[in-house]
Amino acid sequence: MGTIVDPSLLFWNKNIPSFMAHADVTSMVQTAGSSDYYVADIALATGSAYMGRYGGWAMLVVYNDPTEKTRCISVWDGFDFFGFGANDNFRVTGLLTPGSGIFETYAGYFGMDGEACYTGDYVSINGTALANGLNASNNTLNGTISEFGVDVGGKSPNLGYNWEMDIDVFDASGFVPNGVTSLNVVMGSSFERI
């Protein structure tokens, strides 16, 4: 089972020779159901990259469960290089937070080239840096795969340090106010390149 990535879905960074792509695999997952999923034959030897040749992948699953509370999910599928003080700022639009009351906010990302040994990188929402037990506010991209500060585990291989690849989910409750339709994200690093 496989999928061809539409060339229009490729993101190329002209400043740093590297690329990424995304694909909608909904029909494949619906057909295959609950299973282990793998990616193979990533063309890592093609071209050159400032950060070296490596690759990784992640799959985001959004599902409907009528027994759960209503949620609003926004996905930003972009690609950018940041680091050495060159930050990336962008605005997520299309939100609709509750007009009043307390609500949960979770934020997650997939990033590459995050080393545990170099500090200074961060991801912030509306000016507040994401952080938890595994991801310090000044070293958010540190090669972990975690959810709310706990290593996800069960990976194959099940590494604590994931060779510069980060897939982390944070509790960002309180970072986004009531009654807004957008939020600001800043990804930055004073030293490390991501």
N, C-alpha and C. Protein backbone atom coordinates (compact mmCIF):
# COMPACT_ATOMS: atom_id res chain seq x y z
N MET A 1 0.85 -1.16 0.00
CA MET A 1 0.00 0.00 0.00
C MET A 1 0.90 1.23 0.00
N GLY A 2 0.62 2.17 -0.82
CA GLY A 2 1.44 3.37 -0.86
C GLY A 2 0.67 4.53 -1.44
N THR A 3 1.32 5.66 -1.43
CA THR A 3 0.69 6.85 -1.98
C THR A 3 1.73 7.67 -2.72
N ILE A 4 1.34 8.30 -3.76
CA ILE A 4 2.20 9.22 -4.49
C ILE A 4 1.91 10.61 -3.97
N VAL A 5 2.94 11.32 -3.59
CA VAL A 5 2.75 12.69 -3.11
C VAL A 5 2.60 13.62 -4.29
N ASP A 6 1.54 14.37 -4.30
CA ASP A 6 1.29 15.37 -5.33
C ASP A 6 2.43 16.40 -5.28
N PRO A 7 3.13 16.68 -6.39
CA PRO A 7 4.24 17.63 -6.38
C PRO A 7 3.84 19.01 -5.84
N SER A 8 2.57 19.37 -5.94
CA SER A 8 2.15 20.68 -5.42
C SER A 8 2.18 20.70 -3.90
N LEU A 9 2.30 19.53 -3.27
CA LEU A 9 2.34 19.46 -1.81
C LEU A 9 3.76 19.49 -1.27
N LEU A 10 4.75 19.56 -2.15
CA LEU A 10 6.14 19.63 -1.70
C LEU A 10 6.48 21.04 -1.24
N PHE A 11 7.19 21.14 -0.14
CA PHE A 11 7.68 22.42 0.35
C PHE A 11 9.20 22.40 0.21
N TRP A 12 9.75 23.36 -0.49
CA TRP A 12 11.19 23.45 -0.74
C TRP A 12 11.71 24.72 -0.09
N ASN A 13 12.79 24.61 0.62
CA ASN A 13 13.40 25.78 1.24
C ASN A 13 14.58 26.19 0.38
N LYS A 14 14.49 27.35 -0.28
CA LYS A 14 15.55 27.77 -1.21
C LYS A 14 16.83 28.19 -0.50
N ASN A 15 16.73 28.60 0.78
CA ASN A 15 17.92 29.04 1.51
C ASN A 15 18.74 27.86 2.03
N ILE A 16 18.09 26.82 2.42
CA ILE A 16 18.74 25.61 2.91
C ILE A 16 18.22 24.47 2.05
N PRO A 17 19.08 23.82 1.23
CA PRO A 17 18.58 22.81 0.31
C PRO A 17 17.98 21.61 1.04
N SER A 18 16.70 21.69 1.29
CA SER A 18 15.98 20.62 1.97
C SER A 18 14.51 20.69 1.56
N PHE A 19 13.78 19.62 1.81
CA PHE A 19 12.39 19.62 1.39
C PHE A 19 11.56 18.78 2.36
N MET A 20 10.26 18.95 2.28
CA MET A 20 9.31 18.10 2.97
C MET A 20 8.05 18.03 2.13
N ALA A 21 7.20 17.10 2.47
CA ALA A 21 5.94 16.94 1.76
C ALA A 21 4.88 16.45 2.73
N HIS A 22 3.64 16.62 2.34
CA HIS A 22 2.56 16.03 3.13
C HIS A 22 1.59 15.36 2.16
N ALA A 23 0.88 14.41 2.68
CA ALA A 23 -0.10 13.69 1.86
C ALA A 23 -1.31 13.37 2.71
N ASP A 24 -2.47 13.40 2.12
CA ASP A 24 -3.70 13.01 2.79
C ASP A 24 -3.84 11.50 2.62
N VAL A 25 -3.67 10.76 3.70
CA VAL A 25 -3.73 9.29 3.66
C VAL A 25 -5.01 8.77 4.32
N THR A 26 -6.01 9.62 4.41
CA THR A 26 -7.26 9.26 5.09
C THR A 26 -7.86 7.97 4.54
N SER A 27 -7.99 7.88 3.23
CA SER A 27 -8.63 6.69 2.65
C SER A 27 -7.80 5.43 2.92
N MET A 28 -6.47 5.56 2.92
CA MET A 28 -5.62 4.41 3.21
C MET A 28 -5.82 3.92 4.64
N VAL A 29 -5.88 4.86 5.58
CA VAL A 29 -6.05 4.49 6.98
C VAL A 29 -7.45 3.93 7.21
N GLN A 30 -8.46 4.53 6.58
CA GLN A 30 -9.82 4.01 6.72
C GLN A 30 -9.91 2.58 6.20
N THR A 31 -9.22 2.29 5.10
CA THR A 31 -9.22 0.96 4.53
C THR A 31 -8.45 -0.03 5.40
N ALA A 32 -7.27 0.36 5.85
CA ALA A 32 -6.40 -0.54 6.61
C ALA A 32 -6.82 -0.64 8.08
N GLY A 33 -7.42 0.40 8.61
CA GLY A 33 -7.85 0.39 10.00
C GLY A 33 -6.70 0.50 10.98
N SER A 34 -6.96 0.11 12.21
CA SER A 34 -5.97 0.16 13.28
C SER A 34 -4.83 -0.78 12.94
N SER A 35 -3.62 -0.23 12.87
CA SER A 35 -2.49 -1.02 12.41
C SER A 35 -1.19 -0.28 12.72
N ASP A 36 -0.08 -0.92 12.46
CA ASP A 36 1.21 -0.25 12.46
C ASP A 36 1.44 0.29 11.05
N TYR A 37 1.96 1.52 10.97
CA TYR A 37 2.21 2.14 9.68
C TYR A 37 3.70 2.46 9.56
N TYR A 38 4.25 2.27 8.36
CA TYR A 38 5.67 2.46 8.13
C TYR A 38 5.89 3.33 6.89
N VAL A 39 7.02 4.00 6.85
CA VAL A 39 7.45 4.74 5.68
C VAL A 39 8.83 4.21 5.31
N ALA A 40 9.07 4.05 4.02
CA ALA A 40 10.36 3.51 3.58
C ALA A 40 10.83 4.25 2.33
N ASP A 41 12.09 4.08 2.02
CA ASP A 41 12.69 4.58 0.79
C ASP A 41 12.64 6.10 0.66
N ILE A 42 12.89 6.80 1.75
CA ILE A 42 12.99 8.26 1.69
C ILE A 42 14.31 8.58 0.98
N ALA A 43 14.28 9.43 -0.02
CA ALA A 43 15.45 9.71 -0.86
C ALA A 43 16.42 10.63 -0.14
N LEU A 44 17.14 10.10 0.83
CA LEU A 44 18.05 10.93 1.63
C LEU A 44 19.35 11.23 0.92
N ALA A 45 19.71 10.46 -0.06
CA ALA A 45 20.98 10.67 -0.76
C ALA A 45 20.84 11.62 -1.94
N THR A 46 19.66 12.17 -2.14
CA THR A 46 19.43 13.08 -3.26
C THR A 46 19.79 14.50 -2.85
N GLY A 47 20.64 15.15 -3.60
CA GLY A 47 21.01 16.53 -3.28
C GLY A 47 21.91 16.61 -2.06
N SER A 48 21.93 17.79 -1.46
CA SER A 48 22.71 17.98 -0.25
C SER A 48 21.92 18.90 0.67
N ALA A 49 22.26 18.88 1.93
CA ALA A 49 21.54 19.72 2.89
C ALA A 49 22.51 20.28 3.90
N TYR A 50 22.27 21.48 4.30
CA TYR A 50 23.12 22.17 5.27
C TYR A 50 23.22 21.36 6.57
N MET A 51 22.14 20.73 6.96
CA MET A 51 22.09 20.02 8.24
C MET A 51 22.47 18.56 8.11
N GLY A 52 22.86 18.11 6.94
CA GLY A 52 23.19 16.71 6.75
C GLY A 52 21.99 15.97 6.17
N ARG A 53 22.23 14.73 5.82
CA ARG A 53 21.16 13.94 5.20
C ARG A 53 20.46 13.12 6.27
N TYR A 54 19.21 13.39 6.47
CA TYR A 54 18.40 12.58 7.37
C TYR A 54 16.94 12.82 7.03
N GLY A 55 16.10 11.96 7.53
CA GLY A 55 14.68 12.10 7.23
C GLY A 55 13.84 11.53 8.34
N GLY A 56 12.59 11.85 8.31
CA GLY A 56 11.66 11.33 9.30
C GLY A 56 10.24 11.58 8.84
N TRP A 57 9.30 11.05 9.57
CA TRP A 57 7.91 11.23 9.19
C TRP A 57 7.03 11.17 10.43
N ALA A 58 5.85 11.70 10.28
CA ALA A 58 4.84 11.66 11.34
C ALA A 58 3.48 11.55 10.68
N MET A 59 2.54 10.96 11.40
CA MET A 59 1.17 10.88 10.89
C MET A 59 0.24 11.47 11.94
N LEU A 60 -0.55 12.43 11.52
CA LEU A 60 -1.54 13.07 12.37
C LEU A 60 -2.89 12.43 12.08
N VAL A 61 -3.53 11.90 13.12
CA VAL A 61 -4.82 11.26 12.96
C VAL A 61 -5.87 12.09 13.68
N VAL A 62 -6.87 12.53 12.96
CA VAL A 62 -8.01 13.26 13.53
C VAL A 62 -9.22 12.36 13.32
N TYR A 63 -9.91 12.06 14.40
CA TYR A 63 -11.04 11.13 14.30
C TYR A 63 -12.26 11.69 15.00
N ASN A 64 -13.40 11.11 14.72
CA ASN A 64 -14.67 11.52 15.31
C ASN A 64 -15.09 10.50 16.36
N ASP A 65 -15.37 10.97 17.56
CA ASP A 65 -15.87 10.11 18.63
C ASP A 65 -17.01 10.86 19.32
N PRO A 66 -18.25 10.46 19.06
CA PRO A 66 -19.39 11.19 19.62
C PRO A 66 -19.46 11.17 21.14
N THR A 67 -18.69 10.29 21.80
CA THR A 67 -18.69 10.26 23.26
C THR A 67 -17.75 11.30 23.86
N GLU A 68 -16.91 11.89 23.03
CA GLU A 68 -15.96 12.92 23.49
C GLU A 68 -16.58 14.30 23.37
N LYS A 69 -16.00 15.27 24.09
CA LYS A 69 -16.47 16.65 23.97
C LYS A 69 -16.07 17.25 22.62
N THR A 70 -16.75 18.29 22.22
CA THR A 70 -16.48 18.96 20.95
C THR A 70 -15.11 19.62 20.98
N ARG A 71 -14.36 19.48 19.90
CA ARG A 71 -13.04 20.08 19.80
C ARG A 71 -12.90 20.78 18.45
N CYS A 72 -12.06 21.81 18.44
CA CYS A 72 -11.71 22.50 17.20
C CYS A 72 -10.24 22.19 16.93
N ILE A 73 -9.95 21.64 15.77
CA ILE A 73 -8.58 21.23 15.45
C ILE A 73 -8.10 22.01 14.24
N SER A 74 -6.93 22.65 14.37
CA SER A 74 -6.31 23.38 13.26
C SER A 74 -4.94 22.77 13.00
N VAL A 75 -4.63 22.53 11.73
CA VAL A 75 -3.35 21.94 11.35
C VAL A 75 -2.65 22.91 10.40
N TRP A 76 -1.41 23.26 10.74
CA TRP A 76 -0.58 24.09 9.86
C TRP A 76 0.44 23.16 9.22
N ASP A 77 0.41 23.03 7.92
CA ASP A 77 1.34 22.14 7.22
C ASP A 77 2.28 22.98 6.37
N GLY A 78 3.28 23.50 7.02
CA GLY A 78 4.26 24.32 6.34
C GLY A 78 5.66 23.80 6.61
N PHE A 79 6.63 24.49 6.08
CA PHE A 79 8.02 24.08 6.23
C PHE A 79 8.88 25.33 6.22
N ASP A 80 9.71 25.46 7.22
CA ASP A 80 10.60 26.61 7.26
C ASP A 80 11.82 26.28 8.09
N PHE A 81 12.90 26.92 7.77
CA PHE A 81 14.15 26.82 8.52
C PHE A 81 14.22 28.00 9.47
N PHE A 82 14.63 27.73 10.70
CA PHE A 82 14.90 28.84 11.60
C PHE A 82 16.08 28.47 12.48
N GLY A 83 16.75 29.46 12.98
CA GLY A 83 17.89 29.22 13.85
C GLY A 83 18.91 30.33 13.75
N PHE A 84 19.89 30.28 14.62
CA PHE A 84 20.96 31.27 14.69
C PHE A 84 20.39 32.67 14.80
N GLY A 85 19.27 32.82 15.51
CA GLY A 85 18.66 34.12 15.71
C GLY A 85 17.67 34.51 14.63
N ALA A 86 17.56 33.71 13.55
CA ALA A 86 16.58 33.99 12.49
C ALA A 86 15.29 33.26 12.83
N ASN A 87 14.37 33.95 13.49
CA ASN A 87 13.14 33.33 13.96
C ASN A 87 12.09 33.28 12.86
N ASP A 88 11.12 32.42 13.05
CA ASP A 88 9.99 32.31 12.14
C ASP A 88 8.73 32.66 12.92
N ASN A 89 7.99 33.65 12.43
CA ASN A 89 6.75 34.08 13.06
C ASN A 89 5.61 33.85 12.10
N PHE A 90 4.53 33.26 12.58
CA PHE A 90 3.36 33.13 11.73
C PHE A 90 2.09 33.17 12.57
N ARG A 91 1.00 33.40 11.91
CA ARG A 91 -0.29 33.56 12.56
C ARG A 91 -1.18 32.40 12.14
N VAL A 92 -1.78 31.72 13.10
CA VAL A 92 -2.74 30.66 12.83
C VAL A 92 -4.12 31.30 12.87
N THR A 93 -4.87 31.18 11.79
CA THR A 93 -6.19 31.81 11.70
C THR A 93 -7.28 30.74 11.59
N GLY A 94 -8.51 31.18 11.60
CA GLY A 94 -9.63 30.25 11.45
C GLY A 94 -10.06 29.60 12.74
N LEU A 95 -9.57 30.10 13.87
CA LEU A 95 -9.98 29.56 15.17
C LEU A 95 -11.28 30.21 15.62
N LEU A 96 -11.89 29.62 16.61
CA LEU A 96 -13.03 30.24 17.26
C LEU A 96 -13.05 29.70 18.69
N THR A 97 -12.37 30.43 19.58
CA THR A 97 -12.32 29.98 20.97
C THR A 97 -13.62 30.35 21.67
N PRO A 98 -13.98 29.63 22.74
CA PRO A 98 -15.21 29.93 23.46
C PRO A 98 -15.23 31.38 23.95
N GLY A 99 -16.42 31.98 23.94
CA GLY A 99 -16.55 33.37 24.36
C GLY A 99 -16.27 33.60 25.83
N SER A 100 -16.46 32.59 26.65
CA SER A 100 -16.19 32.72 28.08
C SER A 100 -15.89 31.35 28.66
N GLY A 101 -15.31 31.35 29.85
CA GLY A 101 -15.03 30.09 30.53
C GLY A 101 -13.66 29.53 30.21
N ILE A 102 -13.29 28.52 30.97
CA ILE A 102 -12.00 27.85 30.81
C ILE A 102 -12.12 26.81 29.70
N PHE A 103 -11.09 26.71 28.86
CA PHE A 103 -11.06 25.68 27.82
C PHE A 103 -9.64 25.17 27.66
N GLU A 104 -9.53 23.94 27.17
CA GLU A 104 -8.23 23.30 26.97
C GLU A 104 -7.63 23.72 25.63
N THR A 105 -6.33 23.89 25.61
CA THR A 105 -5.60 24.16 24.37
C THR A 105 -4.37 23.25 24.36
N TYR A 106 -4.23 22.50 23.29
CA TYR A 106 -3.05 21.64 23.11
C TYR A 106 -2.33 22.09 21.85
N ALA A 107 -1.02 22.04 21.89
CA ALA A 107 -0.21 22.42 20.74
C ALA A 107 0.83 21.32 20.50
N GLY A 108 0.99 20.95 19.24
CA GLY A 108 1.97 19.93 18.91
C GLY A 108 2.73 20.32 17.66
N TYR A 109 3.90 19.72 17.46
CA TYR A 109 4.69 19.99 16.27
C TYR A 109 5.57 18.81 15.92
N PHE A 110 5.99 18.81 14.68
CA PHE A 110 7.00 17.89 14.15
C PHE A 110 8.16 18.75 13.70
N GLY A 111 9.31 18.56 14.27
CA GLY A 111 10.48 19.35 13.91
C GLY A 111 11.69 18.46 13.73
N MET A 112 12.66 18.95 12.96
CA MET A 112 13.87 18.17 12.72
C MET A 112 15.11 19.00 13.04
N ASP A 113 16.17 18.32 13.41
CA ASP A 113 17.47 18.87 13.75
C ASP A 113 17.47 19.53 15.12
N GLY A 114 16.71 19.00 16.04
CA GLY A 114 16.74 19.51 17.41
C GLY A 114 17.64 18.66 18.28
N GLU A 115 18.75 19.22 18.70
CA GLU A 115 19.70 18.47 19.51
C GLU A 115 19.49 18.72 21.00
N ALA A 116 19.64 17.68 21.79
CA ALA A 116 19.49 17.80 23.24
C ALA A 116 20.64 18.62 23.84
N CYS A 117 21.82 18.59 23.21
CA CYS A 117 23.00 19.21 23.80
C CYS A 117 23.12 20.70 23.54
N TYR A 118 22.30 21.26 22.64
CA TYR A 118 22.34 22.70 22.36
C TYR A 118 21.05 23.33 22.85
N THR A 119 21.17 24.43 23.57
CA THR A 119 19.98 25.12 24.08
C THR A 119 19.78 26.42 23.31
N GLY A 120 18.66 27.06 23.59
CA GLY A 120 18.37 28.35 22.97
C GLY A 120 17.22 28.32 22.00
N ASP A 121 16.68 27.12 21.69
CA ASP A 121 15.55 27.05 20.77
C ASP A 121 14.25 27.03 21.55
N TYR A 122 13.20 27.57 20.94
CA TYR A 122 11.91 27.65 21.61
C TYR A 122 10.78 27.73 20.60
N VAL A 123 9.60 27.41 21.07
CA VAL A 123 8.36 27.60 20.33
C VAL A 123 7.41 28.29 21.29
N SER A 124 6.83 29.41 20.86
CA SER A 124 5.91 30.13 21.76
C SER A 124 4.58 30.37 21.07
N ILE A 125 3.55 30.45 21.90
CA ILE A 125 2.20 30.78 21.44
C ILE A 125 1.78 32.04 22.17
N ASN A 126 1.47 33.07 21.40
CA ASN A 126 1.07 34.36 21.97
C ASN A 126 2.05 34.85 23.03
N GLY A 127 3.34 34.61 22.79
CA GLY A 127 4.38 35.13 23.67
C GLY A 127 4.75 34.24 24.84
N THR A 128 4.11 33.09 25.00
CA THR A 128 4.44 32.17 26.09
C THR A 128 5.11 30.93 25.50
N ALA A 129 6.32 30.63 25.98
CA ALA A 129 7.08 29.49 25.45
C ALA A 129 6.47 28.18 25.91
N LEU A 130 6.40 27.22 24.99
CA LEU A 130 5.96 25.88 25.34
C LEU A 130 7.04 25.20 26.16
N ALA A 131 6.65 24.46 27.17
CA ALA A 131 7.60 23.73 28.01
C ALA A 131 6.85 22.67 28.80
N ASN A 132 7.57 21.62 29.18
CA ASN A 132 7.04 20.60 30.09
C ASN A 132 8.21 19.80 30.64
N GLY A 133 7.94 18.68 31.28
CA GLY A 133 8.98 17.91 31.96
C GLY A 133 10.08 17.39 31.07
N LEU A 134 9.82 17.16 29.79
CA LEU A 134 10.85 16.66 28.86
C LEU A 134 11.40 17.73 27.93
N ASN A 135 10.75 18.89 27.89
CA ASN A 135 11.11 19.92 26.93
C ASN A 135 11.20 21.27 27.65
N ALA A 136 12.41 21.69 27.95
CA ALA A 136 12.61 22.97 28.64
C ALA A 136 12.24 24.12 27.71
N SER A 137 11.84 25.25 28.29
CA SER A 137 11.42 26.40 27.48
C SER A 137 12.55 26.94 26.61
N ASN A 138 13.81 26.65 26.95
CA ASN A 138 14.94 27.10 26.13
C ASN A 138 15.61 25.94 25.40
N ASN A 139 14.92 24.80 25.33
CA ASN A 139 15.42 23.65 24.57
C ASN A 139 14.24 22.75 24.21
N THR A 140 13.25 23.36 23.59
CA THR A 140 12.03 22.63 23.27
C THR A 140 12.29 21.54 22.23
N LEU A 141 13.14 21.84 21.27
CA LEU A 141 13.47 20.88 20.21
C LEU A 141 14.73 20.13 20.61
N ASN A 142 14.54 19.01 21.30
CA ASN A 142 15.67 18.30 21.88
C ASN A 142 15.68 16.81 21.56
N GLY A 143 15.02 16.41 20.48
CA GLY A 143 15.05 15.02 20.05
C GLY A 143 14.10 14.11 20.82
N THR A 144 12.99 14.65 21.32
CA THR A 144 12.04 13.83 22.07
C THR A 144 10.76 13.61 21.26
N ILE A 145 10.11 12.51 21.57
CA ILE A 145 8.77 12.23 21.06
C ILE A 145 7.91 12.05 22.30
N SER A 146 7.10 13.07 22.58
CA SER A 146 6.42 13.09 23.88
C SER A 146 5.01 13.66 23.77
N GLU A 147 4.23 13.38 24.81
CA GLU A 147 2.90 13.95 24.94
C GLU A 147 2.76 14.43 26.37
N PHE A 148 2.57 15.74 26.53
CA PHE A 148 2.39 16.37 27.84
C PHE A 148 3.54 16.06 28.80
N GLY A 149 4.77 16.02 28.26
CA GLY A 149 5.95 15.84 29.09
C GLY A 149 6.29 14.40 29.42
N VAL A 150 5.64 13.45 28.79
CA VAL A 150 5.91 12.03 29.02
C VAL A 150 6.32 11.40 27.70
N ASP A 151 7.43 10.66 27.72
CA ASP A 151 7.89 9.97 26.51
C ASP A 151 6.78 9.04 26.02
N VAL A 152 6.52 9.07 24.72
CA VAL A 152 5.43 8.27 24.16
C VAL A 152 5.68 6.78 24.33
N GLY A 153 6.93 6.34 24.15
CA GLY A 153 7.24 4.92 24.31
C GLY A 153 6.59 4.07 23.24
N GLY A 154 6.88 2.78 23.26
CA GLY A 154 6.27 1.85 22.31
C GLY A 154 6.75 2.02 20.88
N LYS A 155 7.79 2.84 20.68
CA LYS A 155 8.30 3.05 19.33
C LYS A 155 9.26 1.91 18.97
N SER A 156 9.56 1.75 17.70
CA SER A 156 10.49 0.72 17.29
C SER A 156 11.49 1.31 16.30
N PRO A 157 12.71 1.62 16.74
CA PRO A 157 13.26 1.39 18.08
C PRO A 157 12.73 2.43 19.07
N ASN A 158 12.69 2.06 20.32
CA ASN A 158 12.14 2.92 21.37
C ASN A 158 13.28 3.71 22.02
N LEU A 159 13.64 4.82 21.41
CA LEU A 159 14.77 5.63 21.86
C LEU A 159 14.28 6.80 22.70
N GLY A 160 15.05 7.20 23.69
CA GLY A 160 14.75 8.41 24.45
C GLY A 160 15.16 9.65 23.67
N TYR A 161 16.26 9.52 22.90
CA TYR A 161 16.73 10.59 22.03
C TYR A 161 16.52 10.11 20.60
N ASN A 162 15.77 10.84 19.81
CA ASN A 162 15.31 10.35 18.52
C ASN A 162 16.06 10.97 17.35
N TRP A 163 17.37 11.05 17.48
CA TRP A 163 18.24 11.48 16.38
C TRP A 163 17.76 12.78 15.75
N GLU A 164 17.56 13.78 16.60
CA GLU A 164 17.26 15.15 16.18
C GLU A 164 15.84 15.34 15.65
N MET A 165 14.97 14.37 15.82
CA MET A 165 13.59 14.52 15.38
C MET A 165 12.69 14.70 16.60
N ASP A 166 11.82 15.71 16.54
CA ASP A 166 10.90 16.00 17.63
C ASP A 166 9.46 15.88 17.16
N ILE A 167 8.66 15.17 17.94
CA ILE A 167 7.21 15.15 17.77
C ILE A 167 6.67 15.32 19.18
N ASP A 168 6.26 16.51 19.53
CA ASP A 168 5.87 16.80 20.91
C ASP A 168 4.50 17.47 20.96
N VAL A 169 3.73 17.12 21.98
CA VAL A 169 2.42 17.73 22.23
C VAL A 169 2.48 18.37 23.62
N PHE A 170 2.01 19.62 23.71
CA PHE A 170 2.06 20.39 24.94
C PHE A 170 0.67 20.81 25.38
N ASP A 171 0.49 20.96 26.67
CA ASP A 171 -0.72 21.59 27.20
C ASP A 171 -0.46 23.09 27.18
N ALA A 172 -1.18 23.78 26.31
CA ALA A 172 -1.02 25.23 26.17
C ALA A 172 -2.27 25.96 26.67
N SER A 173 -2.99 25.32 27.58
CA SER A 173 -4.20 25.94 28.13
C SER A 173 -3.86 27.25 28.80
N GLY A 174 -4.64 28.28 28.50
CA GLY A 174 -4.41 29.61 29.04
C GLY A 174 -3.56 30.49 28.15
N PHE A 175 -2.94 29.92 27.12
CA PHE A 175 -2.10 30.71 26.21
C PHE A 175 -2.94 31.48 25.20
N VAL A 176 -4.16 31.02 24.97
CA VAL A 176 -5.04 31.63 23.97
C VAL A 176 -6.28 32.15 24.71
N PRO A 177 -6.62 33.43 24.55
CA PRO A 177 -7.76 33.98 25.28
C PRO A 177 -9.11 33.57 24.70
N ASN A 178 -10.15 33.88 25.43
CA ASN A 178 -11.51 33.64 24.97
C ASN A 178 -11.85 34.57 23.81
N GLY A 179 -12.75 34.10 22.94
CA GLY A 179 -13.32 34.93 21.90
C GLY A 179 -12.37 35.42 20.84
N VAL A 180 -11.36 34.62 20.48
CA VAL A 180 -10.43 35.04 19.42
C VAL A 180 -10.49 34.06 18.25
N THR A 181 -10.06 34.53 17.09
CA THR A 181 -10.07 33.70 15.88
C THR A 181 -8.67 33.42 15.35
N SER A 182 -7.63 33.87 16.08
CA SER A 182 -6.27 33.62 15.61
C SER A 182 -5.31 33.61 16.79
N LEU A 183 -4.12 33.13 16.55
CA LEU A 183 -3.05 33.15 17.55
C LEU A 183 -1.72 33.32 16.85
N ASN A 184 -0.72 33.77 17.59
CA ASN A 184 0.62 34.00 17.04
C ASN A 184 1.57 32.91 17.51
N VAL A 185 2.38 32.40 16.59
CA VAL A 185 3.38 31.39 16.90
C VAL A 185 4.75 31.95 16.52
N VAL A 186 5.72 31.77 17.39
CA VAL A 186 7.11 32.12 17.10
C VAL A 186 7.96 30.88 17.33
N MET A 187 8.75 30.52 16.35
CA MET A 187 9.75 29.47 16.49
C MET A 187 11.09 30.16 16.38
N GLY A 188 11.96 29.95 17.34
CA GLY A 188 13.22 30.66 17.29
C GLY A 188 14.35 29.90 17.95
N SER A 189 15.54 30.37 17.70
CA SER A 189 16.73 29.79 18.30
C SER A 189 17.86 30.81 18.27
N SER A 190 18.51 30.98 19.40
CA SER A 190 19.65 31.90 19.45
C SER A 190 20.91 31.26 18.90
N PHE A 191 20.96 29.93 18.88
CA PHE A 191 22.17 29.25 18.40
C PHE A 191 21.82 28.11 17.46
N GLU A 192 20.96 27.22 17.91
CA GLU A 192 20.69 26.00 17.17
C GLU A 192 19.96 26.29 15.88
N ARG A 193 20.17 25.45 14.87
CA ARG A 193 19.45 25.55 13.63
C ARG A 193 18.45 24.42 13.59
N ILE A 194 17.24 24.73 13.17
CA ILE A 194 16.17 23.73 13.13
C ILE A 194 15.61 23.66 11.73
